[in-house]
Amino acid sequence: MLCLTGLPLIFHSEIDSALNPPDWQPANPGGELLSLDDILEKAVSETSGARPVFMSFDTDRPVVNVTTEADPATSGSEFVFNSFDSTSGDIVPPADKGGVVMDFILQLHTDMFLGLPGMLFLGFMGLLFVVAVVSGVVLYAPFMRKLDFGTVRTKQSTRLKWLDYHNLLGVVTVAWVLVVGITGIINTLEDPIVETWKANDLKDLIAAHQTGEVVAAQASLDAAVKQAVATSPDKILQFVAFPGSSYSTNSHYAIFLHGNTPLTEHLITPVLVDAVSGDFVGLREMPWYSKALSLSRPLHFGDYGGLFLKILWAILDVLTIIILVSGLYLWLSRRGRKVVVP
């Protein structure tokens, strides 16, 4: 199930683009982008002076998303989410939900629609899979002392032929299978890892600089972002949390940066900048377990090296399916069952 659902997920962006072609275009394609301060001003005026909470950015189009809260002092205050064309400041219509097919496959692949219990169950299955691969290598080593590497005994019984195919494909793909298996296990621990990071490192960073009342931001957001990027020149802007939000203090912009390559784009560094003076206050690098999670995502799906790497990942995925099917055949035939395989 994981190999079959993982195959289309390797090409998720290409499939999504084909099934759901974009129907929105920026007002001034290729034109100069508005400043973040201008976008923020438009967002606040659009919601009658509501307090900004978060600002995020689309990765594939010039769109800035701003979340505002009308009355933070009121229990159950509603959040308003607006998207703005950064070439004109116009409100962007809600994105077409689309992607239903790929969303279904992704959900089936990650947790089987069971949430955290489903993720942990698949993680346990992944652990058993890695153990099976390692045990296969241990068994293969003495077996190959009797035969030349790559020998396939096609003229003998069907079972021996498939045993040789199984062993050959297994040893050829073993490194890739272990990488995908181990990164898959790490991915199933995403929720506990993220919650641990929020409860420890992020909380400590915020607590060390927390103040009393929520301040009204006065410093330029663009200048604050430049300050943050200057502290980590190998990273780019991903997300901004404003004073008073759950990801920031009451008096700071929390500016989240991420790596500038497909492999490191999930490595996040939160930077605090004073929302009144615009001065840099501090940052906190991700702990090792969060870095392991961030690096496991692109390694697992092979979507960090362009189309060539995706095709390679797909070929190795198909070979793994053949290995699994041949292993099942060998197990059934050894138990005396009649299994017809060409």
C-alpha atoms as a PDB file:
ATOM      1  CA  MET A   1       0.000   0.000   0.000  1.00  0.00           C
ATOM      2  CA  LEU A   2       2.784   2.431   0.899  1.00  0.00           C
ATOM      3  CA  CYS A   3       4.745   1.721  -2.291  1.00  0.00           C
ATOM      4  CA  LEU A   4       1.656   2.012  -4.507  1.00  0.00           C
ATOM      5  CA  THR A   5       0.481   5.282  -2.931  1.00  0.00           C
ATOM      6  CA  GLY A   6       4.039   6.620  -2.768  1.00  0.00           C
ATOM      7  CA  LEU A   7       4.507   6.258  -6.523  1.00  0.00           C
ATOM      8  CA  PRO A   8       2.114   9.078  -7.566  1.00  0.00           C
ATOM      9  CA  LEU A   9       3.202  11.180  -4.577  1.00  0.00           C
ATOM     10  CA  ILE A  10       6.685  11.390  -6.098  1.00  0.00           C
ATOM     11  CA  PHE A  11       5.101  13.447  -8.901  1.00  0.00           C
ATOM     12  CA  HIS A  12       2.537  15.221  -6.726  1.00  0.00           C
ATOM     13  CA  SER A  13       3.313  18.729  -8.005  1.00  0.00           C
ATOM     14  CA  GLU A  14       3.161  17.672 -11.667  1.00  0.00           C
ATOM     15  CA  ILE A  15      -0.091  15.743 -11.138  1.00  0.00           C
ATOM     16  CA  ASP A  16      -1.689  18.596  -9.185  1.00  0.00           C
ATOM     17  CA  SER A  17      -0.740  21.083 -11.916  1.00  0.00           C
ATOM     18  CA  ALA A  18      -2.191  18.824 -14.626  1.00  0.00           C
ATOM     19  CA  LEU A  19      -5.433  18.103 -12.767  1.00  0.00           C
ATOM     20  CA  ASN A  20      -5.890  21.634 -11.389  1.00  0.00           C
ATOM     21  CA  PRO A  21      -4.369  24.219 -13.746  1.00  0.00           C
ATOM     22  CA  PRO A  22      -4.190  27.678 -12.135  1.00  0.00           C
ATOM     23  CA  ASP A  23      -6.999  30.019 -13.146  1.00  0.00           C
ATOM     24  CA  TRP A  24      -5.650  33.150 -11.396  1.00  0.00           C
ATOM     25  CA  GLN A  25      -2.938  35.419 -12.726  1.00  0.00           C
ATOM     26  CA  PRO A  26      -1.268  38.383 -10.982  1.00  0.00           C
ATOM     27  CA  ALA A  27      -2.358  41.850 -12.097  1.00  0.00           C
ATOM     28  CA  ASN A  28       1.179  42.810 -13.151  1.00  0.00           C
ATOM     29  CA  PRO A  29       3.135  39.642 -14.021  1.00  0.00           C
ATOM     30  CA  GLY A  30       6.840  40.313 -13.696  1.00  0.00           C
ATOM     31  CA  GLY A  31       6.154  43.721 -12.184  1.00  0.00           C
ATOM     32  CA  GLU A  32       7.662  45.174  -9.039  1.00  0.00           C
ATOM     33  CA  LEU A  33       6.299  43.688  -5.830  1.00  0.00           C
ATOM     34  CA  LEU A  34       4.710  45.799  -3.127  1.00  0.00           C
ATOM     35  CA  SER A  35       6.546  46.056   0.172  1.00  0.00           C
ATOM     36  CA  LEU A  36       5.431  43.937   3.114  1.00  0.00           C
ATOM     37  CA  ASP A  37       4.499  47.134   4.948  1.00  0.00           C
ATOM     38  CA  ASP A  38       2.156  48.098   2.101  1.00  0.00           C
ATOM     39  CA  ILE A  39       0.537  44.665   2.084  1.00  0.00           C
ATOM     40  CA  LEU A  40       0.153  44.771   5.859  1.00  0.00           C
ATOM     41  CA  GLU A  41      -1.475  48.215   5.697  1.00  0.00           C
ATOM     42  CA  LYS A  42      -3.964  46.973   3.104  1.00  0.00           C
ATOM     43  CA  ALA A  43      -4.763  43.892   5.175  1.00  0.00           C
ATOM     44  CA  VAL A  44      -5.461  45.949   8.302  1.00  0.00           C
ATOM     45  CA  SER A  45      -7.621  48.464   6.433  1.00  0.00           C
ATOM     46  CA  GLU A  46      -9.527  45.642   4.745  1.00  0.00           C
ATOM     47  CA  THR A  47     -10.524  44.286   8.162  1.00  0.00           C
ATOM     48  CA  SER A  48     -11.310  47.664   9.744  1.00  0.00           C
ATOM     49  CA  GLY A  49      -8.170  47.912  11.849  1.00  0.00           C
ATOM     50  CA  ALA A  50      -8.049  44.332  13.115  1.00  0.00           C
ATOM     51  CA  ARG A  51      -4.780  43.166  14.685  1.00  0.00           C
ATOM     52  CA  PRO A  52      -2.448  41.227  12.356  1.00  0.00           C
ATOM     53  CA  VAL A  53      -1.570  37.781  13.648  1.00  0.00           C
ATOM     54  CA  PHE A  54       0.268  35.886  10.886  1.00  0.00           C
ATOM     55  CA  MET A  55       1.692  36.556   7.448  1.00  0.00           C
ATOM     56  CA  SER A  56       2.610  33.742   5.067  1.00  0.00           C
ATOM     57  CA  PHE A  57       3.656  33.478   1.430  1.00  0.00           C
ATOM     58  CA  ASP A  58       2.662  31.246  -1.466  1.00  0.00           C
ATOM     59  CA  THR A  59       5.634  29.427  -2.928  1.00  0.00           C
ATOM     60  CA  ASP A  60       4.422  29.207  -6.531  1.00  0.00           C
ATOM     61  CA  ARG A  61       2.763  32.600  -7.062  1.00  0.00           C
ATOM     62  CA  PRO A  62       3.238  36.225  -5.898  1.00  0.00           C
ATOM     63  CA  VAL A  63       0.629  36.069  -3.136  1.00  0.00           C
ATOM     64  CA  VAL A  64       0.911  37.209   0.485  1.00  0.00           C
ATOM     65  CA  ASN A  65      -1.544  35.776   3.028  1.00  0.00           C
ATOM     66  CA  VAL A  66      -2.450  37.771   6.135  1.00  0.00           C
ATOM     67  CA  THR A  67      -4.430  36.491   9.109  1.00  0.00           C
ATOM     68  CA  THR A  68      -6.025  39.137  11.344  1.00  0.00           C
ATOM     69  CA  GLU A  69      -8.013  39.018  14.571  1.00  0.00           C
ATOM     70  CA  ALA A  70     -10.798  41.515  15.179  1.00  0.00           C
ATOM     71  CA  ASP A  71     -10.751  41.710  18.980  1.00  0.00           C
ATOM     72  CA  PRO A  72      -8.014  39.738  20.780  1.00  0.00           C
ATOM     73  CA  ALA A  73      -9.530  40.628  24.175  1.00  0.00           C
ATOM     74  CA  THR A  74     -12.797  38.871  23.332  1.00  0.00           C
ATOM     75  CA  SER A  75     -13.061  35.152  23.981  1.00  0.00           C
ATOM     76  CA  GLY A  76     -13.657  33.268  20.764  1.00  0.00           C
ATOM     77  CA  SER A  77     -12.635  36.196  18.590  1.00  0.00           C
ATOM     78  CA  GLU A  78     -12.768  35.236  14.906  1.00  0.00           C
ATOM     79  CA  PHE A  79      -9.752  35.179  12.625  1.00  0.00           C
ATOM     80  CA  VAL A  80      -9.964  36.617   9.115  1.00  0.00           C
ATOM     81  CA  PHE A  81      -7.739  35.222   6.367  1.00  0.00           C
ATOM     82  CA  ASN A  82      -7.098  37.293   3.246  1.00  0.00           C
ATOM     83  CA  SER A  83      -4.731  36.765   0.327  1.00  0.00           C
ATOM     84  CA  PHE A  84      -3.234  39.707  -1.565  1.00  0.00           C
ATOM     85  CA  ASP A  85      -1.679  40.013  -4.993  1.00  0.00           C
ATOM     86  CA  SER A  86       1.778  41.352  -4.184  1.00  0.00           C
ATOM     87  CA  THR A  87       2.007  42.994  -7.620  1.00  0.00           C
ATOM     88  CA  SER A  88      -1.091  45.158  -7.083  1.00  0.00           C
ATOM     89  CA  GLY A  89      -2.425  44.756  -3.541  1.00  0.00           C
ATOM     90  CA  ASP A  90      -5.733  43.369  -4.821  1.00  0.00           C
ATOM     91  CA  ILE A  91      -7.442  40.622  -2.863  1.00  0.00           C
ATOM     92  CA  VAL A  92      -6.904  37.234  -4.467  1.00  0.00           C
ATOM     93  CA  PRO A  93      -9.974  34.999  -4.735  1.00  0.00           C
ATOM     94  CA  PRO A  94      -9.851  31.844  -2.618  1.00  0.00           C
ATOM     95  CA  ALA A  95      -7.721  29.169  -4.208  1.00  0.00           C
ATOM     96  CA  ASP A  96      -9.530  26.314  -5.894  1.00  0.00           C
ATOM     97  CA  LYS A  97      -9.466  23.478  -3.401  1.00  0.00           C
ATOM     98  CA  GLY A  98      -8.735  20.959  -6.181  1.00  0.00           C
ATOM     99  CA  GLY A  99      -6.163  18.269  -5.636  1.00  0.00           C
ATOM    100  CA  VAL A 100      -8.796  15.918  -4.189  1.00  0.00           C
ATOM    101  CA  VAL A 101      -7.208  12.827  -5.703  1.00  0.00           C
ATOM    102  CA  MET A 102      -3.706  13.637  -4.480  1.00  0.00           C
ATOM    103  CA  ASP A 103      -4.994  14.699  -1.056  1.00  0.00           C
ATOM    104  CA  PHE A 104      -6.742  11.329  -0.711  1.00  0.00           C
ATOM    105  CA  ILE A 105      -3.586   9.434  -1.712  1.00  0.00           C
ATOM    106  CA  LEU A 106      -1.412  11.517   0.635  1.00  0.00           C
ATOM    107  CA  GLN A 107      -3.766  10.940   3.562  1.00  0.00           C
ATOM    108  CA  LEU A 108      -3.846   7.215   2.870  1.00  0.00           C
ATOM    109  CA  HIS A 109      -0.050   7.145   2.649  1.00  0.00           C
ATOM    110  CA  THR A 110       0.611   9.119   5.831  1.00  0.00           C
ATOM    111  CA  ASP A 111      -1.996   7.963   8.358  1.00  0.00           C
ATOM    112  CA  MET A 112      -4.718   5.899   6.590  1.00  0.00           C
ATOM    113  CA  PHE A 113      -7.268   8.521   7.740  1.00  0.00           C
ATOM    114  CA  LEU A 114      -6.640   7.540  11.384  1.00  0.00           C
ATOM    115  CA  GLY A 115      -4.661  10.580  12.519  1.00  0.00           C
ATOM    116  CA  LEU A 116      -1.749  10.113  14.928  1.00  0.00           C
ATOM    117  CA  PRO A 117      -2.581   6.441  15.734  1.00  0.00           C
ATOM    118  CA  GLY A 118      -2.464   5.681  12.004  1.00  0.00           C
ATOM    119  CA  MET A 119       0.877   7.484  11.632  1.00  0.00           C
ATOM    120  CA  LEU A 120       2.402   5.593  14.556  1.00  0.00           C
ATOM    121  CA  PHE A 121       1.072   2.276  13.209  1.00  0.00           C
ATOM    122  CA  LEU A 122       2.684   2.953   9.828  1.00  0.00           C
ATOM    123  CA  GLY A 123       5.877   3.955  11.618  1.00  0.00           C
ATOM    124  CA  PHE A 124       5.891   0.563  13.353  1.00  0.00           C
ATOM    125  CA  MET A 125       5.295  -1.156  10.004  1.00  0.00           C
ATOM    126  CA  GLY A 126       8.213   0.863   8.605  1.00  0.00           C
ATOM    127  CA  LEU A 127      10.415  -0.314  11.458  1.00  0.00           C
ATOM    128  CA  LEU A 128       9.527  -3.958  10.724  1.00  0.00           C
ATOM    129  CA  PHE A 129      10.237  -3.285   7.051  1.00  0.00           C
ATOM    130  CA  VAL A 130      13.734  -1.973   7.825  1.00  0.00           C
ATOM    131  CA  VAL A 131      14.397  -5.000  10.060  1.00  0.00           C
ATOM    132  CA  ALA A 132      13.272  -7.285   7.215  1.00  0.00           C
ATOM    133  CA  VAL A 133      15.644  -5.547   4.788  1.00  0.00           C
ATOM    134  CA  VAL A 134      18.606  -5.828   7.167  1.00  0.00           C
ATOM    135  CA  SER A 135      17.856  -9.492   7.856  1.00  0.00           C
ATOM    136  CA  GLY A 136      17.635 -10.068   4.092  1.00  0.00           C
ATOM    137  CA  VAL A 137      21.138  -8.640   3.647  1.00  0.00           C
ATOM    138  CA  VAL A 138      22.458 -10.864   6.437  1.00  0.00           C
ATOM    139  CA  LEU A 139      20.958 -13.944   4.750  1.00  0.00           C
ATOM    140  CA  TYR A 140      22.126 -12.868   1.291  1.00  0.00           C
ATOM    141  CA  ALA A 141      25.821 -12.628   2.181  1.00  0.00           C
ATOM    142  CA  PRO A 142      26.480 -16.379   2.759  1.00  0.00           C
ATOM    143  CA  PHE A 143      24.096 -17.270  -0.085  1.00  0.00           C
ATOM    144  CA  MET A 144      26.214 -15.352  -2.629  1.00  0.00           C
ATOM    145  CA  ARG A 145      29.336 -17.308  -1.717  1.00  0.00           C
ATOM    146  CA  LYS A 146      27.857 -20.196  -3.711  1.00  0.00           C
ATOM    147  CA  LEU A 147      26.913 -18.170  -6.827  1.00  0.00           C
ATOM    148  CA  ASP A 148      28.399 -15.353  -8.868  1.00  0.00           C
ATOM    149  CA  PHE A 149      26.880 -11.933  -8.216  1.00  0.00           C
ATOM    150  CA  GLY A 150      23.811 -11.321 -10.370  1.00  0.00           C
ATOM    151  CA  THR A 151      23.237 -14.977 -11.244  1.00  0.00           C
ATOM    152  CA  VAL A 152      19.637 -15.749 -12.243  1.00  0.00           C
ATOM    153  CA  ARG A 153      18.937 -19.458 -12.710  1.00  0.00           C
ATOM    154  CA  THR A 154      16.295 -19.126 -15.432  1.00  0.00           C
ATOM    155  CA  LYS A 155      16.552 -22.751 -16.611  1.00  0.00           C
ATOM    156  CA  GLN A 156      15.714 -24.265 -13.254  1.00  0.00           C
ATOM    157  CA  SER A 157      12.468 -24.143 -11.272  1.00  0.00           C
ATOM    158  CA  THR A 158      10.229 -21.074 -11.251  1.00  0.00           C
ATOM    159  CA  ARG A 159      10.793 -20.665  -7.537  1.00  0.00           C
ATOM    160  CA  LEU A 160      14.592 -20.602  -7.909  1.00  0.00           C
ATOM    161  CA  LYS A 161      14.311 -18.098 -10.758  1.00  0.00           C
ATOM    162  CA  TRP A 162      12.208 -15.733  -8.633  1.00  0.00           C
ATOM    163  CA  LEU A 163      14.464 -16.275  -5.635  1.00  0.00           C
ATOM    164  CA  ASP A 164      17.405 -15.064  -7.724  1.00  0.00           C
ATOM    165  CA  TYR A 165      15.408 -12.074  -9.040  1.00  0.00           C
ATOM    166  CA  HIS A 166      14.337 -11.266  -5.492  1.00  0.00           C
ATOM    167  CA  ASN A 167      17.897 -11.393  -4.173  1.00  0.00           C
ATOM    168  CA  LEU A 168      19.399  -9.448  -7.083  1.00  0.00           C
ATOM    169  CA  LEU A 169      16.858  -6.621  -7.012  1.00  0.00           C
ATOM    170  CA  GLY A 170      17.028  -6.548  -3.220  1.00  0.00           C
ATOM    171  CA  VAL A 171      20.779  -6.035  -3.028  1.00  0.00           C
ATOM    172  CA  VAL A 172      20.732  -3.480  -5.864  1.00  0.00           C
ATOM    173  CA  THR A 173      18.087  -1.322  -4.148  1.00  0.00           C
ATOM    174  CA  VAL A 174      19.041  -1.950  -0.501  1.00  0.00           C
ATOM    175  CA  ALA A 175      20.607   1.478   0.128  1.00  0.00           C
ATOM    176  CA  TRP A 176      17.635   3.344  -1.358  1.00  0.00           C
ATOM    177  CA  VAL A 177      15.111   1.139   0.432  1.00  0.00           C
ATOM    178  CA  LEU A 178      16.805   1.792   3.784  1.00  0.00           C
ATOM    179  CA  VAL A 179      16.856   5.567   3.172  1.00  0.00           C
ATOM    180  CA  VAL A 180      13.171   5.651   2.239  1.00  0.00           C
ATOM    181  CA  GLY A 181      12.237   3.286   5.066  1.00  0.00           C
ATOM    182  CA  ILE A 182      14.100   5.192   7.781  1.00  0.00           C
ATOM    183  CA  THR A 183      12.924   8.627   6.575  1.00  0.00           C
ATOM    184  CA  GLY A 184       9.378   7.253   6.409  1.00  0.00           C
ATOM    185  CA  ILE A 185       9.611   6.198  10.049  1.00  0.00           C
ATOM    186  CA  ILE A 186      10.832   9.673  11.007  1.00  0.00           C
ATOM    187  CA  ASN A 187       7.985  11.289   9.039  1.00  0.00           C
ATOM    188  CA  THR A 188       5.396   9.317  11.020  1.00  0.00           C
ATOM    189  CA  LEU A 189       6.718  11.045  14.155  1.00  0.00           C
ATOM    190  CA  GLU A 190       6.053  14.515  12.709  1.00  0.00           C
ATOM    191  CA  ASP A 191       3.299  15.511  15.164  1.00  0.00           C
ATOM    192  CA  PRO A 192       5.215  14.524  18.341  1.00  0.00           C
ATOM    193  CA  ILE A 193       8.420  16.118  17.007  1.00  0.00           C
ATOM    194  CA  VAL A 194       6.709  19.415  16.097  1.00  0.00           C
ATOM    195  CA  GLU A 195       4.881  19.560  19.430  1.00  0.00           C
ATOM    196  CA  THR A 196       8.131  18.854  21.296  1.00  0.00           C
ATOM    197  CA  TRP A 197       9.879  21.648  19.372  1.00  0.00           C
ATOM    198  CA  LYS A 198       7.042  24.092  20.161  1.00  0.00           C
ATOM    199  CA  ALA A 199       6.911  23.086  23.826  1.00  0.00           C
ATOM    200  CA  ASN A 200      10.673  23.341  24.358  1.00  0.00           C
ATOM    201  CA  ASP A 201      12.888  25.335  21.992  1.00  0.00           C
ATOM    202  CA  LEU A 202      10.275  27.757  20.641  1.00  0.00           C
ATOM    203  CA  LYS A 203       8.683  28.203  24.059  1.00  0.00           C
ATOM    204  CA  ASP A 204      12.074  28.887  25.640  1.00  0.00           C
ATOM    205  CA  LEU A 205      12.915  31.493  23.006  1.00  0.00           C
ATOM    206  CA  ILE A 206       9.586  33.259  23.536  1.00  0.00           C
ATOM    207  CA  ALA A 207       9.677  33.007  27.333  1.00  0.00           C
ATOM    208  CA  ALA A 208      13.159  34.515  27.487  1.00  0.00           C
ATOM    209  CA  HIS A 209      11.882  37.718  25.845  1.00  0.00           C
ATOM    210  CA  GLN A 210       8.226  37.800  26.900  1.00  0.00           C
ATOM    211  CA  THR A 211       6.794  41.110  28.139  1.00  0.00           C
ATOM    212  CA  GLY A 212       3.514  42.258  29.657  1.00  0.00           C
ATOM    213  CA  GLU A 213       0.968  43.832  27.327  1.00  0.00           C
ATOM    214  CA  VAL A 214       0.789  43.289  23.593  1.00  0.00           C
ATOM    215  CA  VAL A 215       2.441  46.240  21.875  1.00  0.00           C
ATOM    216  CA  ALA A 216       1.337  47.882  18.652  1.00  0.00           C
ATOM    217  CA  ALA A 217       3.998  47.184  16.045  1.00  0.00           C
ATOM    218  CA  GLN A 218       5.737  50.385  14.986  1.00  0.00           C
ATOM    219  CA  ALA A 219       8.924  49.188  13.327  1.00  0.00           C
ATOM    220  CA  SER A 220       8.925  48.579   9.599  1.00  0.00           C
ATOM    221  CA  LEU A 221       8.185  44.940   8.817  1.00  0.00           C
ATOM    222  CA  ASP A 222      10.429  45.075   5.747  1.00  0.00           C
ATOM    223  CA  ALA A 223      13.315  46.359   7.843  1.00  0.00           C
ATOM    224  CA  ALA A 224      12.676  43.687  10.475  1.00  0.00           C
ATOM    225  CA  VAL A 225      12.761  40.959   7.836  1.00  0.00           C
ATOM    226  CA  LYS A 226      16.031  42.343   6.447  1.00  0.00           C
ATOM    227  CA  GLN A 227      17.455  42.264   9.977  1.00  0.00           C
ATOM    228  CA  ALA A 228      16.416  38.634  10.368  1.00  0.00           C
ATOM    229  CA  VAL A 229      17.769  37.536   6.974  1.00  0.00           C
ATOM    230  CA  ALA A 230      21.073  39.291   7.717  1.00  0.00           C
ATOM    231  CA  THR A 231      21.554  36.969  10.701  1.00  0.00           C
ATOM    232  CA  SER A 232      21.102  33.881   8.480  1.00  0.00           C
ATOM    233  CA  PRO A 233      22.157  34.824   4.942  1.00  0.00           C
ATOM    234  CA  ASP A 234      21.693  31.249   3.687  1.00  0.00           C
ATOM    235  CA  LYS A 235      17.965  31.345   4.510  1.00  0.00           C
ATOM    236  CA  ILE A 236      14.896  33.101   3.096  1.00  0.00           C
ATOM    237  CA  LEU A 237      11.596  34.340   4.512  1.00  0.00           C
ATOM    238  CA  GLN A 238       8.856  31.782   5.136  1.00  0.00           C
ATOM    239  CA  PHE A 239       6.442  33.107   7.757  1.00  0.00           C
ATOM    240  CA  VAL A 240       5.881  36.036  10.150  1.00  0.00           C
ATOM    241  CA  ALA A 241       4.129  35.914  13.529  1.00  0.00           C
ATOM    242  CA  PHE A 242       3.115  39.303  14.941  1.00  0.00           C
ATOM    243  CA  PRO A 243       3.204  40.436  18.595  1.00  0.00           C
ATOM    244  CA  GLY A 244       0.642  38.617  20.713  1.00  0.00           C
ATOM    245  CA  SER A 245       0.358  35.537  18.509  1.00  0.00           C
ATOM    246  CA  SER A 246       0.955  31.997  19.750  1.00  0.00           C
ATOM    247  CA  TYR A 247       4.260  31.839  17.856  1.00  0.00           C
ATOM    248  CA  SER A 248       5.675  35.140  19.151  1.00  0.00           C
ATOM    249  CA  THR A 249       6.006  37.305  22.240  1.00  0.00           C
ATOM    250  CA  ASN A 250       3.869  40.309  23.098  1.00  0.00           C
ATOM    251  CA  SER A 251       6.459  42.748  21.760  1.00  0.00           C
ATOM    252  CA  HIS A 252       8.344  41.052  18.932  1.00  0.00           C
ATOM    253  CA  TYR A 253       8.014  39.976  15.353  1.00  0.00           C
ATOM    254  CA  ALA A 254       8.810  36.268  15.140  1.00  0.00           C
ATOM    255  CA  ILE A 255      10.273  35.892  11.662  1.00  0.00           C
ATOM    256  CA  PHE A 256      10.633  32.307  10.496  1.00  0.00           C
ATOM    257  CA  LEU A 257      13.286  31.643   7.865  1.00  0.00           C
ATOM    258  CA  HIS A 258      13.915  28.457   5.920  1.00  0.00           C
ATOM    259  CA  GLY A 259      16.682  27.053   3.725  1.00  0.00           C
ATOM    260  CA  ASN A 260      17.026  28.285   0.158  1.00  0.00           C
ATOM    261  CA  THR A 261      17.481  24.898  -1.521  1.00  0.00           C
ATOM    262  CA  PRO A 262      14.938  22.101  -2.153  1.00  0.00           C
ATOM    263  CA  LEU A 263      16.774  19.883   0.347  1.00  0.00           C
ATOM    264  CA  THR A 264      16.971  22.490   3.131  1.00  0.00           C
ATOM    265  CA  GLU A 265      13.707  24.361   2.587  1.00  0.00           C
ATOM    266  CA  HIS A 266      12.145  22.630   5.598  1.00  0.00           C
ATOM    267  CA  LEU A 267      14.944  23.663   7.973  1.00  0.00           C
ATOM    268  CA  ILE A 268      13.388  26.527   9.933  1.00  0.00           C
ATOM    269  CA  THR A 269      15.024  29.185  12.099  1.00  0.00           C
ATOM    270  CA  PRO A 270      12.817  31.536  14.183  1.00  0.00           C
ATOM    271  CA  VAL A 271      14.252  35.037  14.662  1.00  0.00           C
ATOM    272  CA  LEU A 272      12.904  37.615  17.118  1.00  0.00           C
ATOM    273  CA  VAL A 273      12.985  41.296  16.150  1.00  0.00           C
ATOM    274  CA  ASP A 274      11.713  44.069  18.435  1.00  0.00           C
ATOM    275  CA  ALA A 275       8.412  45.292  16.977  1.00  0.00           C
ATOM    276  CA  VAL A 276       8.940  48.841  18.291  1.00  0.00           C
ATOM    277  CA  SER A 277      12.630  49.530  17.676  1.00  0.00           C
ATOM    278  CA  GLY A 278      13.243  47.010  14.883  1.00  0.00           C
ATOM    279  CA  ASP A 279      16.364  45.682  16.645  1.00  0.00           C
ATOM    280  CA  PHE A 280      17.463  42.074  16.371  1.00  0.00           C
ATOM    281  CA  VAL A 281      16.829  40.241  19.653  1.00  0.00           C
ATOM    282  CA  GLY A 282      17.692  36.571  19.191  1.00  0.00           C
ATOM    283  CA  LEU A 283      17.249  33.371  17.211  1.00  0.00           C
ATOM    284  CA  ARG A 284      17.084  29.675  17.915  1.00  0.00           C
ATOM    285  CA  GLU A 285      18.348  26.999  15.541  1.00  0.00           C
ATOM    286  CA  MET A 286      16.239  23.875  15.180  1.00  0.00           C
ATOM    287  CA  PRO A 287      17.254  20.979  17.462  1.00  0.00           C
ATOM    288  CA  TRP A 288      18.711  17.836  15.897  1.00  0.00           C
ATOM    289  CA  TYR A 289      15.426  15.909  15.983  1.00  0.00           C
ATOM    290  CA  SER A 290      13.588  18.677  14.119  1.00  0.00           C
ATOM    291  CA  LYS A 291      16.389  18.850  11.547  1.00  0.00           C
ATOM    292  CA  ALA A 292      16.115  15.079  11.072  1.00  0.00           C
ATOM    293  CA  LEU A 293      12.388  15.470  10.380  1.00  0.00           C
ATOM    294  CA  SER A 294      12.924  18.381   7.992  1.00  0.00           C
ATOM    295  CA  LEU A 295      15.582  16.559   5.983  1.00  0.00           C
ATOM    296  CA  SER A 296      13.610  13.308   5.905  1.00  0.00           C
ATOM    297  CA  ARG A 297      10.730  14.852   3.928  1.00  0.00           C
ATOM    298  CA  PRO A 298      12.578  15.599   0.672  1.00  0.00           C
ATOM    299  CA  LEU A 299      14.712  12.465   0.999  1.00  0.00           C
ATOM    300  CA  HIS A 300      11.623  10.303   1.380  1.00  0.00           C
ATOM    301  CA  PHE A 301       9.826  11.563  -1.740  1.00  0.00           C
ATOM    302  CA  GLY A 302      12.877  12.468  -3.820  1.00  0.00           C
ATOM    303  CA  ASP A 303      11.408  15.851  -4.762  1.00  0.00           C
ATOM    304  CA  TYR A 304      14.545  17.926  -4.168  1.00  0.00           C
ATOM    305  CA  GLY A 305      16.584  17.118  -7.282  1.00  0.00           C
ATOM    306  CA  GLY A 306      14.300  17.875 -10.206  1.00  0.00           C
ATOM    307  CA  LEU A 307      12.496  15.546 -12.599  1.00  0.00           C
ATOM    308  CA  PHE A 308      15.478  13.215 -13.123  1.00  0.00           C
ATOM    309  CA  LEU A 309      15.635  12.316  -9.435  1.00  0.00           C
ATOM    310  CA  LYS A 310      11.861  11.846  -9.317  1.00  0.00           C
ATOM    311  CA  ILE A 311      12.032   9.393 -12.230  1.00  0.00           C
ATOM    312  CA  LEU A 312      14.861   7.530 -10.467  1.00  0.00           C
ATOM    313  CA  TRP A 313      12.795   7.380  -7.264  1.00  0.00           C
ATOM    314  CA  ALA A 314       9.825   6.040  -9.263  1.00  0.00           C
ATOM    315  CA  ILE A 315      11.936   3.303 -10.908  1.00  0.00           C
ATOM    316  CA  LEU A 316      13.307   2.231  -7.528  1.00  0.00           C
ATOM    317  CA  ASP A 317       9.776   2.258  -6.112  1.00  0.00           C
ATOM    318  CA  VAL A 318       8.578  -0.086  -8.885  1.00  0.00           C
ATOM    319  CA  LEU A 319      11.554  -2.386  -8.259  1.00  0.00           C
ATOM    320  CA  THR A 320      10.650  -2.455  -4.566  1.00  0.00           C
ATOM    321  CA  ILE A 321       7.090  -3.490  -5.441  1.00  0.00           C
ATOM    322  CA  ILE A 322       8.526  -6.347  -7.518  1.00  0.00           C
ATOM    323  CA  ILE A 323      10.731  -7.364  -4.570  1.00  0.00           C
ATOM    324  CA  LEU A 324       7.755  -7.375  -2.212  1.00  0.00           C
ATOM    325  CA  VAL A 325       5.573  -9.387  -4.602  1.00  0.00           C
ATOM    326  CA  SER A 326       8.362 -11.915  -5.272  1.00  0.00           C
ATOM    327  CA  GLY A 327       9.012 -12.213  -1.536  1.00  0.00           C
ATOM    328  CA  LEU A 328       5.338 -12.967  -0.942  1.00  0.00           C
ATOM    329  CA  TYR A 329       5.408 -15.579  -3.718  1.00  0.00           C
ATOM    330  CA  LEU A 330       8.525 -17.222  -2.256  1.00  0.00           C
ATOM    331  CA  TRP A 331       6.963 -17.332   1.200  1.00  0.00           C
ATOM    332  CA  LEU A 332       3.706 -18.856  -0.046  1.00  0.00           C
ATOM    333  CA  SER A 333       5.427 -21.413  -2.283  1.00  0.00           C
ATOM    334  CA  ARG A 334       7.707 -22.517   0.555  1.00  0.00           C
ATOM    335  CA  ARG A 335       4.641 -23.383   2.643  1.00  0.00           C
ATOM    336  CA  GLY A 336       3.535 -25.880   0.015  1.00  0.00           C
ATOM    337  CA  ARG A 337       0.914 -23.745  -1.696  1.00  0.00           C
ATOM    338  CA  LYS A 338       0.561 -23.777  -5.450  1.00  0.00           C
ATOM    339  CA  VAL A 339       1.306 -20.289  -6.721  1.00  0.00           C
ATOM    340  CA  VAL A 340       1.391 -19.726 -10.474  1.00  0.00           C
ATOM    341  CA  VAL A 341       3.936 -17.095 -11.527  1.00  0.00           C
ATOM    342  CA  PRO A 342       5.245 -16.755 -15.104  1.00  0.00           C
END
